[in-house]
Amino acid sequence: MSRRSVLRGSLTIATLVLPLVLGYLLSLYLIPTPEIAVIQIQGDIWGMYTGFLRNALAEAGQDAAVRAVVIDISSPGGEVTASEDLYFEVLKLREAKPVVASIGEMAASGAYYIAAAADQIYAKPGSAVGNIGVISFLPEPDLMDEELYTTGPFKLSGGPQVAAIRQLEMLKDTFLAAIQAQRETRLQVGPDVLSRGEIYLGLQAQKMGLVDKLGSVGDATAAAAEMASLRNYRVVDRSPELPEELALFGLKLEQVVTAASLAAPPGQMPPGFYYRYVEPPQ
């Protein structure tokens, strides 16, 4: 074969292959690698923190590159409306793409409320799960004051103590209804058991139908990828970047996170209703 023939053949091959290579490189640039976003929820669910988490969930839902989301939870719960807000945000996200919750040290009370909104829940065998219910401080009786005038008998307290107890029961029933709606046929226990407010190990929670499977965050990520029909993907941390001095209930999240440290009573708990687990004093 002559040199000219070899050169002509090489040019022909290059002419055929070069567009394919360029097209492949261009597709890598124009079509990003599918992502599975991991969003961490740690510590008390309260105040400014809720806004950061809400934005992170919304951004993951709107980003076309994110094909599934894993919510990595280590939390004792928190304020009622903050927990409900994130629950609804996860439900909305689930309409757009698969969502899997992975429980670390703890997902108690409001944190479990949020996890229940996911398609699936993973937990460790020793994770602390459950504590379905509400806590609050009963209002102090209104007192007469010669200098402070009010337009109603409960203007200062917001209502009598018996009304606060009724409100607690209403919130508990709302919590139970949400868990029953999301877990449906997977639950192996009834509302009479769930409403006791107990904390269960991940092993127990799986048998009760409160969680789906036992496994790591990696297992939860693999499940999310399967639900999204992904074989090639990358995992990205989409946890919100919090201001360095952001304090939750007046405390910063400890560097070493354990179920005991998460459930420790906060230094300050303003009046209100809480889906939160508080470890009893020793």
Protein backbone atom coordinates (compact mmCIF):
# COMPACT_ATOMS: atom_id res chain seq x y z
CA MET A 1 0.00 0.00 0.00
CA SER A 2 1.40 3.39 -1.02
CA ARG A 3 2.10 6.18 1.35
CA ARG A 4 -0.55 8.29 -0.30
CA SER A 5 -3.18 5.59 0.23
CA VAL A 6 -2.28 5.30 3.91
CA LEU A 7 -2.50 9.06 4.32
CA ARG A 8 -5.84 9.16 2.51
CA GLY A 9 -7.17 6.37 4.73
CA SER A 10 -5.99 8.16 7.88
CA LEU A 11 -7.68 11.38 6.79
CA THR A 12 -10.90 9.48 6.09
CA ILE A 13 -10.85 7.91 9.54
CA ALA A 14 -10.06 11.27 11.16
CA THR A 15 -12.92 12.86 9.24
CA LEU A 16 -15.31 10.24 10.60
CA VAL A 17 -14.00 10.03 14.16
CA LEU A 18 -13.28 13.71 14.89
CA PRO A 19 -16.96 14.82 14.75
CA LEU A 20 -17.89 11.96 17.06
CA VAL A 21 -15.22 12.95 19.57
CA LEU A 22 -16.16 16.62 19.37
CA GLY A 23 -19.83 15.73 19.71
CA TYR A 24 -19.11 13.62 22.79
CA LEU A 25 -17.04 16.39 24.41
CA LEU A 26 -19.71 18.94 23.58
CA SER A 27 -22.41 16.73 25.11
CA LEU A 28 -20.38 16.51 28.33
CA TYR A 29 -20.28 20.30 28.41
CA LEU A 30 -23.93 20.90 27.50
CA ILE A 31 -25.49 17.94 29.36
CA PRO A 32 -24.24 17.88 32.96
CA THR A 33 -23.67 14.60 34.78
CA PRO A 34 -26.84 13.69 36.69
CA GLU A 35 -26.59 14.52 40.38
CA ILE A 36 -27.99 13.14 43.59
CA ALA A 37 -28.17 15.97 46.11
CA VAL A 38 -27.56 15.28 49.80
CA ILE A 39 -29.12 17.82 52.17
CA GLN A 40 -28.30 17.55 55.86
CA ILE A 41 -30.75 18.47 58.61
CA GLN A 42 -28.90 18.65 61.91
CA GLY A 43 -29.89 19.93 65.32
CA ASP A 44 -32.99 21.86 66.29
CA ILE A 45 -35.46 22.79 63.56
CA TRP A 46 -36.17 26.37 64.38
CA GLY A 47 -36.12 29.98 63.22
CA MET A 48 -33.61 31.06 60.59
CA TYR A 49 -32.41 27.49 60.09
CA THR A 50 -35.79 26.54 58.60
CA GLY A 51 -35.44 29.21 55.94
CA PHE A 52 -32.00 27.97 54.89
CA LEU A 53 -33.27 24.39 54.65
CA ARG A 54 -36.39 25.44 52.74
CA ASN A 55 -34.26 27.25 50.17
CA ALA A 56 -31.92 24.26 49.80
CA LEU A 57 -34.86 21.91 49.17
CA ALA A 58 -36.46 24.33 46.70
CA GLU A 59 -33.21 24.81 44.77
CA ALA A 60 -32.69 21.05 44.53
CA GLY A 61 -36.20 20.73 43.15
CA GLN A 62 -35.65 23.40 40.50
CA ASP A 63 -32.19 22.23 39.37
CA ALA A 64 -32.54 19.99 36.30
CA ALA A 65 -29.15 18.39 37.02
CA VAL A 66 -30.42 17.07 40.36
CA ARG A 67 -32.32 13.88 39.62
CA ALA A 68 -32.91 12.69 43.19
CA VAL A 69 -32.44 13.96 46.76
CA VAL A 70 -31.24 12.30 49.96
CA ILE A 71 -32.12 14.07 53.22
CA ASP A 72 -29.57 13.14 55.89
CA ILE A 73 -31.23 13.73 59.27
CA SER A 74 -29.80 13.96 62.79
CA SER A 75 -32.29 16.01 64.75
CA PRO A 76 -34.52 15.90 67.86
CA GLY A 77 -37.18 17.95 66.03
CA GLY A 78 -38.11 21.49 66.90
CA GLU A 79 -40.81 24.10 66.58
CA VAL A 80 -44.18 22.90 65.28
CA THR A 81 -44.71 25.20 62.30
CA ALA A 82 -41.05 24.95 61.26
CA SER A 83 -41.33 21.16 61.13
CA GLU A 84 -44.63 21.36 59.26
CA ASP A 85 -43.13 23.83 56.79
CA LEU A 86 -40.29 21.47 55.88
CA TYR A 87 -42.70 18.52 55.73
CA PHE A 88 -44.73 20.30 53.05
CA GLU A 89 -41.54 21.36 51.25
CA VAL A 90 -40.38 17.73 51.05
CA LEU A 91 -43.81 16.65 49.77
CA LYS A 92 -43.55 19.27 47.01
CA LEU A 93 -40.01 18.15 46.17
CA ARG A 94 -41.18 14.53 46.00
CA GLU A 95 -43.62 15.46 43.23
CA ALA A 96 -40.65 16.49 41.06
CA LYS A 97 -38.06 13.79 41.85
CA PRO A 98 -37.37 10.87 44.19
CA VAL A 99 -36.60 11.75 47.82
CA VAL A 100 -35.04 9.33 50.31
CA ALA A 101 -34.54 10.14 54.00
CA SER A 102 -31.54 8.72 55.84
CA ILE A 103 -31.63 8.84 59.65
CA GLY A 104 -28.34 9.22 61.48
CA GLU A 105 -28.22 9.49 65.25
CA MET A 106 -31.82 10.58 65.60
CA ALA A 107 -34.98 11.62 63.80
CA ALA A 108 -37.38 12.36 66.63
CA SER A 109 -40.70 14.17 66.68
CA GLY A 110 -40.62 16.98 64.10
CA ALA A 111 -37.55 15.50 62.42
CA TYR A 112 -39.43 12.22 61.90
CA TYR A 113 -42.41 14.26 60.66
CA ILE A 114 -40.15 15.59 57.89
CA ALA A 115 -38.66 12.16 57.13
CA ALA A 116 -42.15 10.71 56.69
CA ALA A 117 -42.67 12.97 53.67
CA ALA A 118 -39.91 11.14 51.74
CA ASP A 119 -40.54 8.23 49.36
CA GLN A 120 -38.43 5.92 51.52
CA ILE A 121 -36.79 6.11 54.94
CA TYR A 122 -33.47 4.46 55.82
CA ALA A 123 -32.16 4.24 59.39
CA LYS A 124 -29.23 2.70 61.23
CA PRO A 125 -30.00 -0.22 63.58
CA GLY A 126 -29.23 2.03 66.55
CA SER A 127 -30.85 5.24 65.29
CA ALA A 128 -33.36 6.89 67.63
CA VAL A 129 -36.68 7.15 65.77
CA GLY A 130 -40.20 8.29 66.62
CA ASN A 131 -41.36 10.37 69.60
CA ILE A 132 -44.55 11.35 67.79
CA GLY A 133 -46.29 14.05 69.78
CA VAL A 134 -46.21 17.64 71.04
CA ILE A 135 -44.75 19.49 74.02
CA SER A 136 -45.56 22.99 75.24
CA PHE A 137 -45.66 25.25 78.26
CA LEU A 138 -49.11 25.90 79.71
CA PRO A 139 -49.95 29.60 79.80
CA GLU A 140 -49.84 31.41 83.11
CA PRO A 141 -53.20 32.64 84.40
CA ASP A 142 -53.94 36.26 83.51
CA LEU A 143 -53.36 38.60 86.43
CA MET A 144 -54.95 41.93 87.08
CA ASP A 145 -52.54 44.83 86.78
CA GLU A 146 -53.38 48.41 87.68
CA GLU A 147 -51.10 49.84 84.98
CA LEU A 148 -51.52 47.31 82.16
CA TYR A 149 -54.92 47.30 80.47
CA THR A 150 -56.18 44.53 78.17
CA THR A 151 -59.26 44.20 75.98
CA GLY A 152 -60.08 40.61 76.85
CA PRO A 153 -59.72 38.21 79.77
CA PHE A 154 -57.06 36.14 77.95
CA LYS A 155 -55.26 38.91 76.06
CA LEU A 156 -52.05 38.32 78.06
CA SER A 157 -52.06 34.51 78.21
CA GLY A 158 -53.73 33.75 74.86
CA GLY A 159 -56.29 31.50 76.48
CA PRO A 160 -57.00 29.30 79.46
CA GLN A 161 -54.86 26.26 80.23
CA VAL A 162 -57.64 23.87 79.19
CA ALA A 163 -57.68 25.49 75.72
CA ALA A 164 -53.89 24.97 75.42
CA ILE A 165 -54.35 21.29 76.25
CA ARG A 166 -57.01 20.98 73.55
CA GLN A 167 -54.65 22.61 71.07
CA LEU A 168 -51.93 20.12 72.01
CA GLU A 169 -54.32 17.27 71.23
CA MET A 170 -55.28 18.84 67.88
CA LEU A 171 -51.61 19.13 66.88
CA LYS A 172 -50.93 15.55 68.00
CA ASP A 173 -53.83 14.32 65.85
CA THR A 174 -52.51 16.32 62.88
CA PHE A 175 -49.07 14.77 63.35
CA LEU A 176 -50.56 11.26 63.55
CA ALA A 177 -52.70 11.84 60.46
CA ALA A 178 -49.63 12.91 58.46
CA ILE A 179 -47.67 9.81 59.48
CA GLN A 180 -50.57 7.52 58.67
CA ALA A 181 -51.13 9.22 55.31
CA GLN A 182 -47.47 8.92 54.25
CA ARG A 183 -46.67 5.47 55.65
CA GLU A 184 -50.10 4.02 54.75
CA THR A 185 -49.98 0.20 54.45
CA ARG A 186 -46.36 0.07 55.58
CA LEU A 187 -47.32 0.77 59.20
CA GLN A 188 -47.55 -2.33 61.35
CA VAL A 189 -48.94 -0.51 64.40
CA GLY A 190 -51.98 1.67 65.00
CA PRO A 191 -52.43 5.23 66.28
CA ASP A 192 -52.82 3.99 69.84
CA VAL A 193 -49.17 2.85 69.80
CA LEU A 194 -47.84 5.77 67.74
CA SER A 195 -49.44 8.37 70.00
CA ARG A 196 -47.55 7.13 73.07
CA GLY A 197 -44.60 9.27 72.00
CA GLU A 198 -41.99 6.54 72.43
CA ILE A 199 -38.48 6.54 70.98
CA TYR A 200 -37.57 3.36 69.08
CA LEU A 201 -34.32 1.93 67.80
CA GLY A 202 -33.99 1.71 64.04
CA LEU A 203 -34.35 -2.08 64.34
CA GLN A 204 -37.68 -1.68 66.11
CA ALA A 205 -38.83 1.14 63.84
CA GLN A 206 -38.33 -1.03 60.76
CA LYS A 207 -40.48 -3.82 62.20
CA MET A 208 -43.16 -1.26 63.08
CA GLY A 209 -43.13 0.21 59.58
CA LEU A 210 -41.81 3.60 60.68
CA VAL A 211 -38.76 3.13 58.44
CA ASP A 212 -38.37 1.05 55.29
CA LYS A 213 -34.84 -0.31 55.44
CA LEU A 214 -31.71 -0.38 57.58
CA GLY A 215 -28.61 1.01 55.97
CA SER A 216 -26.13 3.83 55.54
CA VAL A 217 -26.38 7.14 53.72
CA GLY A 218 -24.67 5.36 50.84
CA ASP A 219 -27.44 2.76 50.78
CA ALA A 220 -30.04 5.55 50.77
CA THR A 221 -28.16 7.22 47.90
CA ALA A 222 -28.10 4.00 45.90
CA ALA A 223 -31.84 3.61 46.46
CA ALA A 224 -32.44 7.18 45.27
CA ALA A 225 -30.36 6.49 42.15
CA GLU A 226 -32.36 3.36 41.41
CA MET A 227 -35.63 5.25 41.81
CA ALA A 228 -34.35 7.88 39.37
CA SER A 229 -33.11 5.18 36.94
CA LEU A 230 -29.53 6.43 37.19
CA ARG A 231 -26.43 4.33 36.55
CA ASN A 232 -23.84 7.09 36.18
CA TYR A 233 -24.19 9.99 38.59
CA ARG A 234 -22.32 12.07 41.10
CA VAL A 235 -23.26 12.84 44.68
CA VAL A 236 -23.20 16.51 45.67
CA ASP A 237 -23.63 18.07 49.08
CA ARG A 238 -26.41 20.65 48.80
CA SER A 239 -26.66 21.35 52.52
CA PRO A 240 -27.23 25.06 53.15
CA GLU A 241 -24.23 27.13 54.14
CA LEU A 242 -25.10 28.59 57.51
CA PRO A 243 -23.69 31.80 58.99
CA GLU A 244 -20.83 30.93 61.31
CA GLU A 245 -22.54 32.33 64.36
CA LEU A 246 -26.03 30.98 63.66
CA ALA A 247 -27.37 29.73 66.99
CA LEU A 248 -30.31 27.42 67.41
CA PHE A 249 -32.21 27.89 70.67
CA GLY A 250 -29.16 29.89 71.81
CA LEU A 251 -26.77 26.99 71.27
CA LYS A 252 -24.40 26.09 68.47
CA LEU A 253 -24.50 22.54 67.15
CA GLU A 254 -21.82 20.53 68.90
CA GLN A 255 -18.88 19.19 66.92
CA VAL A 256 -19.50 15.66 68.21
CA VAL A 257 -23.13 14.83 67.44
CA THR A 258 -24.79 12.03 69.40
CA ALA A 259 -28.42 11.20 70.12
CA ALA A 260 -27.85 12.35 73.71
CA SER A 261 -26.37 15.71 72.70
CA LEU A 262 -29.14 16.32 70.17
CA ALA A 263 -31.86 15.60 72.72
CA ALA A 264 -30.30 17.66 75.50
CA PRO A 265 -32.72 20.35 76.68
CA PRO A 266 -31.99 23.64 74.87
CA GLY A 267 -30.75 26.53 76.92
CA GLN A 268 -33.81 28.55 76.00
CA MET A 269 -37.15 27.43 74.63
CA PRO A 270 -39.53 30.31 73.88
CA PRO A 271 -43.26 29.84 74.52
CA GLY A 272 -44.98 27.86 71.81
CA PHE A 273 -45.70 24.35 70.57
CA TYR A 274 -42.90 21.94 69.75
CA TYR A 275 -42.50 18.67 67.91
CA ARG A 276 -39.32 17.96 69.83
CA TYR A 277 -37.79 15.22 71.93
CA VAL A 278 -36.18 16.34 75.18
CA GLU A 279 -34.19 13.77 77.11
CA PRO A 280 -35.49 13.47 80.67
CA PRO A 281 -33.17 14.89 83.36
CA GLN A 282 -31.00 12.31 85.10
